[in-house]
Amino acid sequence: MAVPASRVSPDPSVAFHYVASADVTAIVARGGAGTYTVADVQTGTGRNMFGGWALQVVFRDPAAPLRLIGLADQVVTLNRGASAKVELDGLAPSTAARPAAASFAAFEGDFSRRPERILLNGATLSNAGNASNDPLNGSITTPGVRNPAFVNNFGFDADRFATVIAPGDTEADMTITTVNDRARMAAFGLAVTL
């Protein structure tokens, strides 16, 4: 089934680089649980070309704790030495710290092109596949089984980080900085346990 992009964001600094998105909620609702695949992603070939895709899934589980979900379809272009911020607001303040999960997809991140950092409300994000100074490293660290489960993802990241929203916080600011790498980031998400 062909799924045309509903939004295309060209890279302002590099010709032929873009991020595209489409709302596939109705397709997944009709198809139900199962394996979803993609084909025919339009990419260039040769040096400095890359491609990848990510599916953001929000579902209801009556047995799970209640969570607030925030998604941002903003696209961020980072050139060497740059920083950017994505804001997810609308959190009701809490008197206690709340567990959360932050996620994003990124393109053209290169392993060992450090230092770079991703912070959520000032706290550095890292996990087993993403060192605190190299999160844009071409890794996929999301829950579940991937098939195929490549280690080298050719500059594509889809990562999820366990974090905490501090008492009193009413927004989640994700700040990205890089010194030697360049990347495009999109599909930002946040799930906060209430």
N, C-alpha and C. Protein backbone atom coordinates (compact mmCIF):
# COMPACT_ATOMS: atom_id res chain seq x y z
N MET A 1 0.84 -1.17 0.00
CA MET A 1 0.00 0.00 0.00
C MET A 1 0.89 1.24 0.00
N ALA A 2 0.67 2.13 -0.90
CA ALA A 2 1.44 3.37 -0.96
C ALA A 2 0.93 4.34 0.10
N VAL A 3 1.84 4.93 0.86
CA VAL A 3 1.50 5.91 1.88
C VAL A 3 2.21 7.21 1.52
N PRO A 4 1.50 8.17 0.95
CA PRO A 4 2.16 9.43 0.59
C PRO A 4 2.43 10.27 1.84
N ALA A 5 3.51 11.01 1.81
CA ALA A 5 3.85 11.90 2.92
C ALA A 5 2.84 13.03 3.01
N SER A 6 2.42 13.35 4.21
CA SER A 6 1.53 14.49 4.40
C SER A 6 2.35 15.75 4.73
N ARG A 7 3.60 15.55 5.10
CA ARG A 7 4.48 16.68 5.40
C ARG A 7 5.90 16.32 4.98
N VAL A 8 6.56 17.21 4.27
CA VAL A 8 7.95 17.01 3.87
C VAL A 8 8.74 18.24 4.30
N SER A 9 9.84 17.99 5.01
CA SER A 9 10.69 19.07 5.49
C SER A 9 12.07 18.93 4.87
N PRO A 10 12.37 19.71 3.83
CA PRO A 10 13.70 19.63 3.21
C PRO A 10 14.76 20.21 4.14
N ASP A 11 15.96 19.68 4.04
CA ASP A 11 17.09 20.18 4.82
C ASP A 11 17.51 21.53 4.22
N PRO A 12 17.52 22.60 5.00
CA PRO A 12 17.86 23.90 4.45
C PRO A 12 19.33 24.04 4.06
N SER A 13 20.18 23.11 4.51
CA SER A 13 21.61 23.27 4.26
C SER A 13 22.20 22.23 3.32
N VAL A 14 21.46 21.15 3.02
CA VAL A 14 21.99 20.10 2.14
C VAL A 14 20.90 19.68 1.15
N ALA A 15 21.16 19.84 -0.12
CA ALA A 15 20.19 19.42 -1.14
C ALA A 15 19.95 17.92 -1.06
N PHE A 16 18.75 17.48 -1.37
CA PHE A 16 18.33 16.09 -1.43
C PHE A 16 18.14 15.44 -0.06
N HIS A 17 18.37 16.13 1.05
CA HIS A 17 18.09 15.58 2.36
C HIS A 17 16.73 16.09 2.81
N TYR A 18 15.92 15.22 3.38
CA TYR A 18 14.58 15.62 3.80
C TYR A 18 14.10 14.70 4.91
N VAL A 19 13.08 15.13 5.61
CA VAL A 19 12.34 14.30 6.56
C VAL A 19 10.88 14.39 6.13
N ALA A 20 10.22 13.25 6.02
CA ALA A 20 8.81 13.21 5.63
C ALA A 20 8.02 12.45 6.68
N SER A 21 6.75 12.79 6.81
CA SER A 21 5.92 12.09 7.79
C SER A 21 4.52 11.88 7.23
N ALA A 22 3.84 10.90 7.80
CA ALA A 22 2.45 10.60 7.43
C ALA A 22 1.76 10.03 8.66
N ASP A 23 0.50 10.34 8.83
CA ASP A 23 -0.31 9.78 9.91
C ASP A 23 -0.86 8.44 9.42
N VAL A 24 -0.41 7.35 10.03
CA VAL A 24 -0.84 6.01 9.60
C VAL A 24 -1.77 5.37 10.64
N THR A 25 -2.37 6.19 11.48
CA THR A 25 -3.24 5.66 12.54
C THR A 25 -4.34 4.77 11.98
N ALA A 26 -5.02 5.22 10.93
CA ALA A 26 -6.13 4.43 10.37
C ALA A 26 -5.63 3.11 9.80
N ILE A 27 -4.46 3.11 9.18
CA ILE A 27 -3.91 1.88 8.60
C ILE A 27 -3.60 0.87 9.71
N VAL A 28 -2.97 1.34 10.79
CA VAL A 28 -2.62 0.44 11.90
C VAL A 28 -3.88 -0.02 12.63
N ALA A 29 -4.86 0.87 12.78
CA ALA A 29 -6.10 0.48 13.44
C ALA A 29 -6.80 -0.63 12.66
N ARG A 30 -6.80 -0.53 11.32
CA ARG A 30 -7.40 -1.58 10.50
C ARG A 30 -6.59 -2.87 10.56
N GLY A 31 -5.27 -2.73 10.55
CA GLY A 31 -4.39 -3.92 10.52
C GLY A 31 -4.24 -4.60 11.87
N GLY A 32 -4.35 -3.83 12.96
CA GLY A 32 -4.21 -4.40 14.29
C GLY A 32 -2.77 -4.75 14.62
N ALA A 33 -2.61 -5.52 15.69
CA ALA A 33 -1.28 -5.91 16.15
C ALA A 33 -0.59 -6.76 15.09
N GLY A 34 0.71 -6.63 15.01
CA GLY A 34 1.45 -7.43 14.04
C GLY A 34 2.76 -6.77 13.66
N THR A 35 3.33 -7.24 12.59
CA THR A 35 4.60 -6.72 12.09
C THR A 35 4.33 -5.73 10.97
N TYR A 36 4.96 -4.58 11.06
CA TYR A 36 4.82 -3.56 10.03
C TYR A 36 6.18 -3.33 9.38
N THR A 37 6.19 -3.26 8.08
CA THR A 37 7.43 -3.07 7.33
C THR A 37 7.26 -1.89 6.38
N VAL A 38 8.38 -1.45 5.84
CA VAL A 38 8.36 -0.34 4.90
C VAL A 38 9.29 -0.69 3.74
N ALA A 39 8.99 -0.14 2.60
CA ALA A 39 9.83 -0.35 1.41
C ALA A 39 9.80 0.91 0.58
N ASP A 40 10.71 1.00 -0.34
CA ASP A 40 10.74 2.09 -1.31
C ASP A 40 10.90 3.47 -0.69
N VAL A 41 11.66 3.56 0.41
CA VAL A 41 12.01 4.86 0.95
C VAL A 41 12.92 5.53 -0.06
N GLN A 42 12.59 6.72 -0.49
CA GLN A 42 13.36 7.38 -1.54
C GLN A 42 14.61 8.04 -0.94
N THR A 43 15.77 7.49 -1.30
CA THR A 43 17.05 8.04 -0.85
C THR A 43 18.00 8.11 -2.03
N GLY A 44 19.00 8.94 -1.88
CA GLY A 44 20.09 8.97 -2.84
C GLY A 44 21.05 7.83 -2.55
N THR A 45 22.03 7.66 -3.40
CA THR A 45 23.05 6.63 -3.18
C THR A 45 24.41 7.29 -3.15
N GLY A 46 25.35 6.63 -2.51
CA GLY A 46 26.71 7.14 -2.45
C GLY A 46 27.01 7.80 -1.12
N ARG A 47 28.11 8.51 -1.10
CA ARG A 47 28.62 9.15 0.12
C ARG A 47 27.63 10.18 0.65
N ASN A 48 27.51 10.21 1.98
CA ASN A 48 26.65 11.17 2.69
C ASN A 48 25.16 11.01 2.38
N MET A 49 24.74 9.84 1.96
CA MET A 49 23.32 9.56 1.76
C MET A 49 22.88 8.57 2.85
N PHE A 50 21.63 8.63 3.24
CA PHE A 50 21.15 7.80 4.33
C PHE A 50 19.64 7.71 4.22
N GLY A 51 19.06 6.78 4.94
CA GLY A 51 17.61 6.63 4.95
C GLY A 51 17.18 5.82 6.15
N GLY A 52 15.96 5.98 6.55
CA GLY A 52 15.43 5.22 7.66
C GLY A 52 13.99 5.61 7.90
N TRP A 53 13.34 4.89 8.80
CA TRP A 53 11.96 5.23 9.13
C TRP A 53 11.68 4.82 10.55
N ALA A 54 10.71 5.47 11.15
CA ALA A 54 10.31 5.18 12.52
C ALA A 54 8.79 5.26 12.59
N LEU A 55 8.21 4.48 13.46
CA LEU A 55 6.77 4.48 13.68
C LEU A 55 6.53 4.84 15.14
N GLN A 56 5.87 5.96 15.39
CA GLN A 56 5.52 6.33 16.75
C GLN A 56 4.18 5.69 17.07
N VAL A 57 4.14 4.91 18.12
CA VAL A 57 2.94 4.16 18.48
C VAL A 57 2.46 4.62 19.85
N VAL A 58 1.21 5.03 19.92
CA VAL A 58 0.56 5.36 21.18
C VAL A 58 -0.64 4.44 21.29
N PHE A 59 -0.71 3.71 22.39
CA PHE A 59 -1.80 2.74 22.55
C PHE A 59 -2.35 2.79 23.97
N ARG A 60 -3.51 2.21 24.14
CA ARG A 60 -4.16 2.17 25.45
C ARG A 60 -4.02 0.78 26.04
N ASP A 61 -3.59 0.73 27.29
CA ASP A 61 -3.49 -0.51 28.04
C ASP A 61 -4.12 -0.28 29.41
N PRO A 62 -5.33 -0.79 29.64
CA PRO A 62 -6.02 -0.53 30.91
C PRO A 62 -5.25 -1.03 32.13
N ALA A 63 -4.32 -1.98 31.95
CA ALA A 63 -3.56 -2.50 33.07
C ALA A 63 -2.33 -1.65 33.38
N ALA A 64 -1.96 -0.74 32.51
CA ALA A 64 -0.77 0.09 32.70
C ALA A 64 -1.13 1.36 33.46
N PRO A 65 -0.12 1.98 34.08
CA PRO A 65 -0.39 3.26 34.76
C PRO A 65 -0.82 4.32 33.75
N LEU A 66 -1.59 5.29 34.22
CA LEU A 66 -2.02 6.38 33.37
C LEU A 66 -0.81 7.24 33.01
N ARG A 67 -0.69 7.60 31.73
CA ARG A 67 0.44 8.41 31.27
C ARG A 67 -0.06 9.58 30.43
N LEU A 68 0.69 10.66 30.49
CA LEU A 68 0.48 11.80 29.60
C LEU A 68 1.44 11.61 28.44
N ILE A 69 0.93 11.71 27.21
CA ILE A 69 1.74 11.51 26.01
C ILE A 69 1.89 12.84 25.29
N GLY A 70 3.10 13.19 24.92
CA GLY A 70 3.36 14.39 24.14
C GLY A 70 4.16 14.03 22.91
N LEU A 71 3.74 14.51 21.75
CA LEU A 71 4.46 14.26 20.50
C LEU A 71 4.71 15.61 19.82
N ALA A 72 5.87 15.75 19.20
CA ALA A 72 6.18 16.96 18.43
C ALA A 72 6.63 16.53 17.05
N ASP A 73 6.02 17.10 16.02
CA ASP A 73 6.43 16.75 14.66
C ASP A 73 7.43 17.77 14.11
N GLN A 74 8.01 18.53 15.01
CA GLN A 74 9.03 19.51 14.63
C GLN A 74 10.27 18.79 14.07
N VAL A 75 10.90 19.38 13.06
CA VAL A 75 12.14 18.85 12.50
C VAL A 75 13.26 19.82 12.86
N VAL A 76 14.35 19.29 13.39
CA VAL A 76 15.48 20.10 13.81
C VAL A 76 16.68 19.74 12.96
N THR A 77 17.33 20.73 12.37
CA THR A 77 18.56 20.52 11.63
C THR A 77 19.72 21.04 12.47
N LEU A 78 20.68 20.17 12.75
CA LEU A 78 21.86 20.55 13.54
C LEU A 78 23.08 20.48 12.65
N ASN A 79 23.76 21.59 12.49
CA ASN A 79 25.06 21.59 11.84
C ASN A 79 26.14 21.60 12.91
N ARG A 80 27.35 21.29 12.53
CA ARG A 80 28.45 21.23 13.49
C ARG A 80 28.50 22.51 14.32
N GLY A 81 28.65 22.33 15.63
CA GLY A 81 28.74 23.47 16.53
C GLY A 81 27.41 24.10 16.87
N ALA A 82 26.31 23.44 16.55
CA ALA A 82 24.98 24.04 16.75
C ALA A 82 24.25 23.43 17.94
N SER A 83 23.17 24.07 18.32
CA SER A 83 22.27 23.52 19.32
C SER A 83 20.84 23.87 18.93
N ALA A 84 19.90 23.13 19.45
CA ALA A 84 18.49 23.36 19.16
C ALA A 84 17.67 22.91 20.36
N LYS A 85 16.45 23.41 20.44
CA LYS A 85 15.57 23.04 21.54
C LYS A 85 14.19 22.71 21.00
N VAL A 86 13.60 21.63 21.54
CA VAL A 86 12.22 21.24 21.24
C VAL A 86 11.48 21.27 22.56
N GLU A 87 10.33 21.96 22.59
CA GLU A 87 9.58 22.11 23.83
C GLU A 87 8.27 21.35 23.75
N LEU A 88 8.03 20.54 24.75
CA LEU A 88 6.75 19.85 24.93
C LEU A 88 6.15 20.40 26.22
N ASP A 89 5.09 21.21 26.10
CA ASP A 89 4.54 21.83 27.30
C ASP A 89 3.18 21.25 27.63
N GLY A 90 2.56 21.79 28.66
CA GLY A 90 1.23 21.33 29.05
C GLY A 90 1.23 20.33 30.18
N LEU A 91 2.38 20.12 30.86
CA LEU A 91 2.41 19.21 31.99
C LEU A 91 1.81 19.89 33.21
N ALA A 92 0.95 19.20 33.91
CA ALA A 92 0.47 19.70 35.19
C ALA A 92 1.59 19.50 36.21
N PRO A 93 1.89 20.52 37.03
CA PRO A 93 2.98 20.35 38.00
C PRO A 93 2.63 19.28 39.02
N SER A 94 3.66 18.62 39.51
CA SER A 94 3.48 17.56 40.49
C SER A 94 4.38 17.86 41.69
N THR A 95 3.99 17.36 42.84
CA THR A 95 4.83 17.54 44.03
C THR A 95 5.88 16.45 44.14
N ALA A 96 5.80 15.44 43.28
CA ALA A 96 6.78 14.34 43.31
C ALA A 96 7.39 14.15 41.93
N ALA A 97 8.58 13.57 41.90
CA ALA A 97 9.22 13.23 40.62
C ALA A 97 8.39 12.17 39.92
N ARG A 98 8.32 12.25 38.58
CA ARG A 98 7.52 11.30 37.82
C ARG A 98 8.40 10.59 36.79
N PRO A 99 8.33 9.25 36.73
CA PRO A 99 9.09 8.53 35.70
C PRO A 99 8.56 8.91 34.31
N ALA A 100 9.47 8.94 33.34
CA ALA A 100 9.09 9.32 31.98
C ALA A 100 9.99 8.60 30.98
N ALA A 101 9.57 8.61 29.74
CA ALA A 101 10.38 8.09 28.64
C ALA A 101 10.40 9.15 27.55
N ALA A 102 11.59 9.51 27.07
CA ALA A 102 11.74 10.48 25.98
C ALA A 102 12.28 9.73 24.76
N SER A 103 11.83 10.14 23.57
CA SER A 103 12.26 9.43 22.36
C SER A 103 12.42 10.41 21.20
N PHE A 104 13.15 9.97 20.19
CA PHE A 104 13.32 10.74 18.96
C PHE A 104 13.83 9.82 17.86
N ALA A 105 13.72 10.29 16.64
CA ALA A 105 14.38 9.66 15.49
C ALA A 105 15.34 10.70 14.92
N ALA A 106 16.48 10.24 14.41
CA ALA A 106 17.47 11.17 13.85
C ALA A 106 18.13 10.53 12.63
N PHE A 107 18.60 11.38 11.75
CA PHE A 107 19.23 10.94 10.51
C PHE A 107 20.60 11.58 10.40
N GLU A 108 21.55 10.84 9.94
CA GLU A 108 22.92 11.25 9.68
C GLU A 108 23.77 11.41 10.93
N GLY A 109 23.34 10.91 12.06
CA GLY A 109 24.22 10.88 13.23
C GLY A 109 25.33 9.87 13.00
N ASP A 110 26.54 10.22 13.35
CA ASP A 110 27.70 9.36 13.09
C ASP A 110 28.34 8.90 14.39
N PHE A 111 28.62 7.61 14.47
CA PHE A 111 29.28 7.03 15.63
C PHE A 111 30.63 7.70 15.86
N SER A 112 30.91 8.05 17.08
CA SER A 112 32.19 8.62 17.52
C SER A 112 32.44 10.04 17.05
N ARG A 113 31.44 10.75 16.54
CA ARG A 113 31.60 12.17 16.21
C ARG A 113 31.18 12.97 17.43
N ARG A 114 31.94 12.89 18.49
CA ARG A 114 31.59 13.55 19.73
C ARG A 114 32.40 14.82 19.91
N PRO A 115 32.05 15.65 20.86
CA PRO A 115 30.96 15.50 21.82
C PRO A 115 29.64 16.03 21.28
N GLU A 116 28.59 15.41 21.76
CA GLU A 116 27.23 15.87 21.51
C GLU A 116 26.41 15.44 22.72
N ARG A 117 25.32 16.12 22.96
CA ARG A 117 24.50 15.80 24.13
C ARG A 117 23.04 16.05 23.82
N ILE A 118 22.21 15.29 24.49
CA ILE A 118 20.77 15.53 24.48
C ILE A 118 20.34 15.63 25.93
N LEU A 119 19.69 16.73 26.25
CA LEU A 119 19.26 16.97 27.62
C LEU A 119 17.75 17.13 27.66
N LEU A 120 17.14 16.65 28.73
CA LEU A 120 15.72 16.88 28.97
C LEU A 120 15.63 17.67 30.27
N ASN A 121 15.15 18.89 30.18
CA ASN A 121 15.09 19.81 31.33
C ASN A 121 16.43 19.89 32.05
N GLY A 122 17.50 19.89 31.28
CA GLY A 122 18.84 20.05 31.84
C GLY A 122 19.54 18.77 32.23
N ALA A 123 18.85 17.64 32.24
CA ALA A 123 19.46 16.36 32.61
C ALA A 123 19.90 15.62 31.35
N THR A 124 21.15 15.17 31.31
CA THR A 124 21.68 14.48 30.14
C THR A 124 21.02 13.12 29.98
N LEU A 125 20.58 12.82 28.75
CA LEU A 125 19.96 11.53 28.44
C LEU A 125 21.03 10.57 27.92
N SER A 126 20.98 9.34 28.41
CA SER A 126 21.86 8.28 27.90
C SER A 126 21.20 6.94 28.22
N ASN A 127 21.65 5.91 27.54
CA ASN A 127 21.20 4.55 27.83
C ASN A 127 22.30 3.59 27.39
N ALA A 128 22.03 2.30 27.43
CA ALA A 128 23.06 1.30 27.13
C ALA A 128 23.62 1.44 25.71
N GLY A 129 22.85 1.96 24.76
CA GLY A 129 23.32 2.09 23.39
C GLY A 129 23.76 3.49 23.02
N ASN A 130 23.62 4.43 23.96
CA ASN A 130 23.91 5.83 23.68
C ASN A 130 24.69 6.45 24.84
N ALA A 131 26.00 6.59 24.66
CA ALA A 131 26.81 7.25 25.69
C ALA A 131 26.34 8.68 25.86
N SER A 132 26.55 9.24 27.03
CA SER A 132 26.07 10.59 27.30
C SER A 132 26.69 11.63 26.38
N ASN A 133 27.86 11.33 25.78
CA ASN A 133 28.50 12.28 24.87
C ASN A 133 28.42 11.85 23.41
N ASP A 134 27.61 10.80 23.10
CA ASP A 134 27.50 10.32 21.72
C ASP A 134 26.13 9.71 21.45
N PRO A 135 25.04 10.46 21.67
CA PRO A 135 23.72 9.87 21.45
C PRO A 135 23.30 9.79 19.99
N LEU A 136 23.91 10.58 19.11
CA LEU A 136 23.57 10.52 17.69
C LEU A 136 24.58 9.62 16.99
N ASN A 137 24.47 8.31 17.27
CA ASN A 137 25.52 7.37 16.87
C ASN A 137 25.02 6.26 15.94
N GLY A 138 23.87 6.43 15.33
CA GLY A 138 23.35 5.40 14.44
C GLY A 138 22.83 4.17 15.16
N SER A 139 22.27 4.36 16.35
CA SER A 139 21.76 3.22 17.13
C SER A 139 20.23 3.23 17.14
N ILE A 140 19.67 2.05 17.42
CA ILE A 140 18.24 1.92 17.64
C ILE A 140 18.08 1.29 19.01
N THR A 141 17.54 2.06 19.95
CA THR A 141 17.39 1.57 21.32
C THR A 141 15.94 1.77 21.76
N THR A 142 15.06 1.06 21.10
CA THR A 142 13.64 1.11 21.44
C THR A 142 13.22 -0.28 21.92
N PRO A 143 12.15 -0.35 22.71
CA PRO A 143 11.72 -1.66 23.20
C PRO A 143 11.21 -2.54 22.07
N GLY A 144 11.22 -3.83 22.31
CA GLY A 144 10.68 -4.76 21.33
C GLY A 144 11.76 -5.39 20.48
N VAL A 145 11.33 -6.32 19.67
CA VAL A 145 12.23 -7.08 18.80
C VAL A 145 12.22 -6.45 17.41
N ARG A 146 13.42 -6.26 16.84
CA ARG A 146 13.54 -5.75 15.48
C ARG A 146 13.99 -6.86 14.56
N ASN A 147 13.46 -6.88 13.36
CA ASN A 147 13.86 -7.89 12.39
C ASN A 147 13.96 -7.23 11.02
N PRO A 148 15.17 -7.05 10.49
CA PRO A 148 16.46 -7.49 11.03
C PRO A 148 16.96 -6.51 12.10
N ALA A 149 17.77 -7.01 13.02
CA ALA A 149 18.30 -6.21 14.12
C ALA A 149 19.73 -5.79 13.83
N PHE A 150 19.91 -4.94 12.83
CA PHE A 150 21.25 -4.49 12.46
C PHE A 150 21.86 -3.66 13.57
N VAL A 151 23.19 -3.76 13.73
CA VAL A 151 23.91 -2.91 14.66
C VAL A 151 24.31 -1.62 13.95
N ASN A 152 24.77 -1.74 12.70
CA ASN A 152 25.12 -0.57 11.91
C ASN A 152 23.87 -0.11 11.17
N ASN A 153 23.34 1.02 11.56
CA ASN A 153 22.11 1.53 10.96
C ASN A 153 22.36 2.69 10.01
N PHE A 154 23.61 2.81 9.56
CA PHE A 154 23.98 3.76 8.52
C PHE A 154 23.49 5.18 8.83
N GLY A 155 23.74 5.62 10.06
CA GLY A 155 23.44 7.00 10.42
C GLY A 155 22.00 7.26 10.83
N PHE A 156 21.21 6.23 11.02
CA PHE A 156 19.82 6.41 11.46
C PHE A 156 19.71 6.04 12.93
N ASP A 157 19.09 6.91 13.72
CA ASP A 157 18.84 6.65 15.14
C ASP A 157 17.33 6.61 15.40
N ALA A 158 16.90 5.70 16.25
CA ALA A 158 15.56 5.71 16.83
C ALA A 158 15.77 5.28 18.28
N ASP A 159 15.73 6.23 19.18
CA ASP A 159 16.15 5.97 20.55
C ASP A 159 15.10 6.38 21.56
N ARG A 160 15.10 5.65 22.67
CA ARG A 160 14.19 5.92 23.79
C ARG A 160 15.01 5.92 25.06
N PHE A 161 14.75 6.90 25.92
CA PHE A 161 15.53 7.07 27.14
C PHE A 161 14.60 7.12 28.35
N ALA A 162 14.94 6.37 29.39
CA ALA A 162 14.23 6.49 30.66
C ALA A 162 14.74 7.76 31.34
N THR A 163 13.83 8.54 31.89
CA THR A 163 14.20 9.78 32.54
C THR A 163 13.19 10.08 33.64
N VAL A 164 13.30 11.25 34.23
CA VAL A 164 12.41 11.65 35.32
C VAL A 164 12.01 13.11 35.09
N ILE A 165 10.74 13.41 35.30
CA ILE A 165 10.27 14.79 35.30
C ILE A 165 10.27 15.26 36.75
N ALA A 166 10.99 16.32 37.02
CA ALA A 166 11.18 16.80 38.39
C ALA A 166 9.90 17.41 38.94
N PRO A 167 9.74 17.42 40.27
CA PRO A 167 8.58 18.08 40.87
C PRO A 167 8.50 19.54 40.41
N GLY A 168 7.28 19.99 40.10
CA GLY A 168 7.08 21.37 39.70
C GLY A 168 7.24 21.65 38.22
N ASP A 169 7.86 20.75 37.45
CA ASP A 169 8.07 20.99 36.02
C ASP A 169 6.72 20.98 35.29
N THR A 170 6.50 21.98 34.43
CA THR A 170 5.28 22.07 33.65
C THR A 170 5.54 21.91 32.16
N GLU A 171 6.80 21.67 31.78
CA GLU A 171 7.14 21.41 30.40
C GLU A 171 8.38 20.54 30.34
N ALA A 172 8.62 19.97 29.19
CA ALA A 172 9.81 19.16 28.96
C ALA A 172 10.54 19.79 27.78
N ASP A 173 11.72 20.32 28.06
CA ASP A 173 12.55 20.93 27.02
C ASP A 173 13.66 19.96 26.65
N MET A 174 13.66 19.53 25.40
CA MET A 174 14.74 18.66 24.92
C MET A 174 15.74 19.55 24.17
N THR A 175 16.96 19.61 24.68
CA THR A 175 18.01 20.43 24.08
C THR A 175 19.06 19.51 23.49
N ILE A 176 19.45 19.78 22.25
CA ILE A 176 20.42 18.96 21.53
C ILE A 176 21.60 19.85 21.16
N THR A 177 22.81 19.39 21.46
CA THR A 177 24.01 20.14 21.08
C THR A 177 24.98 19.20 20.38
N THR A 178 25.73 19.72 19.44
CA THR A 178 26.76 18.94 18.77
C THR A 178 27.94 19.84 18.43
N VAL A 179 29.13 19.27 18.46
CA VAL A 179 30.34 20.00 18.11
C VAL A 179 30.86 19.56 16.75
N ASN A 180 30.93 18.23 16.53
CA ASN A 180 31.55 17.71 15.31
C ASN A 180 30.60 16.99 14.36
N ASP A 181 29.39 16.73 14.78
CA ASP A 181 28.45 15.96 13.97
C ASP A 181 27.42 16.90 13.37
N ARG A 182 26.67 16.41 12.39
CA ARG A 182 25.48 17.11 11.92
C ARG A 182 24.38 16.08 11.85
N ALA A 183 23.16 16.50 12.04
CA ALA A 183 22.05 15.55 12.05
C ALA A 183 20.75 16.28 11.82
N ARG A 184 19.73 15.51 11.42
CA ARG A 184 18.35 16.00 11.37
C ARG A 184 17.57 15.13 12.34
N MET A 185 16.77 15.77 13.14
CA MET A 185 16.02 15.06 14.17
C MET A 185 14.53 15.34 14.00
N ALA A 186 13.72 14.34 14.35
CA ALA A 186 12.27 14.46 14.24
C ALA A 186 11.62 13.43 15.14
N ALA A 187 10.30 13.35 15.11
CA ALA A 187 9.53 12.35 15.85
C ALA A 187 9.86 12.36 17.34
N PHE A 188 9.82 13.54 17.93
CA PHE A 188 10.08 13.66 19.36
C PHE A 188 8.86 13.18 20.14
N GLY A 189 9.10 12.44 21.21
CA GLY A 189 8.00 11.95 22.02
C GLY A 189 8.34 11.96 23.50
N LEU A 190 7.31 12.03 24.32
CA LEU A 190 7.47 11.99 25.77
C LEU A 190 6.28 11.28 26.36
N ALA A 191 6.53 10.34 27.25
CA ALA A 191 5.47 9.65 28.00
C ALA A 191 5.77 9.83 29.48
N VAL A 192 4.88 10.48 30.21
CA VAL A 192 5.08 10.79 31.62
C VAL A 192 4.05 10.04 32.44
N THR A 193 4.51 9.24 33.40
CA THR A 193 3.59 8.53 34.28
C THR A 193 2.95 9.54 35.23
N LEU A 194 1.62 9.48 35.33
CA LEU A 194 0.89 10.43 36.19
C LEU A 194 0.62 9.83 37.56
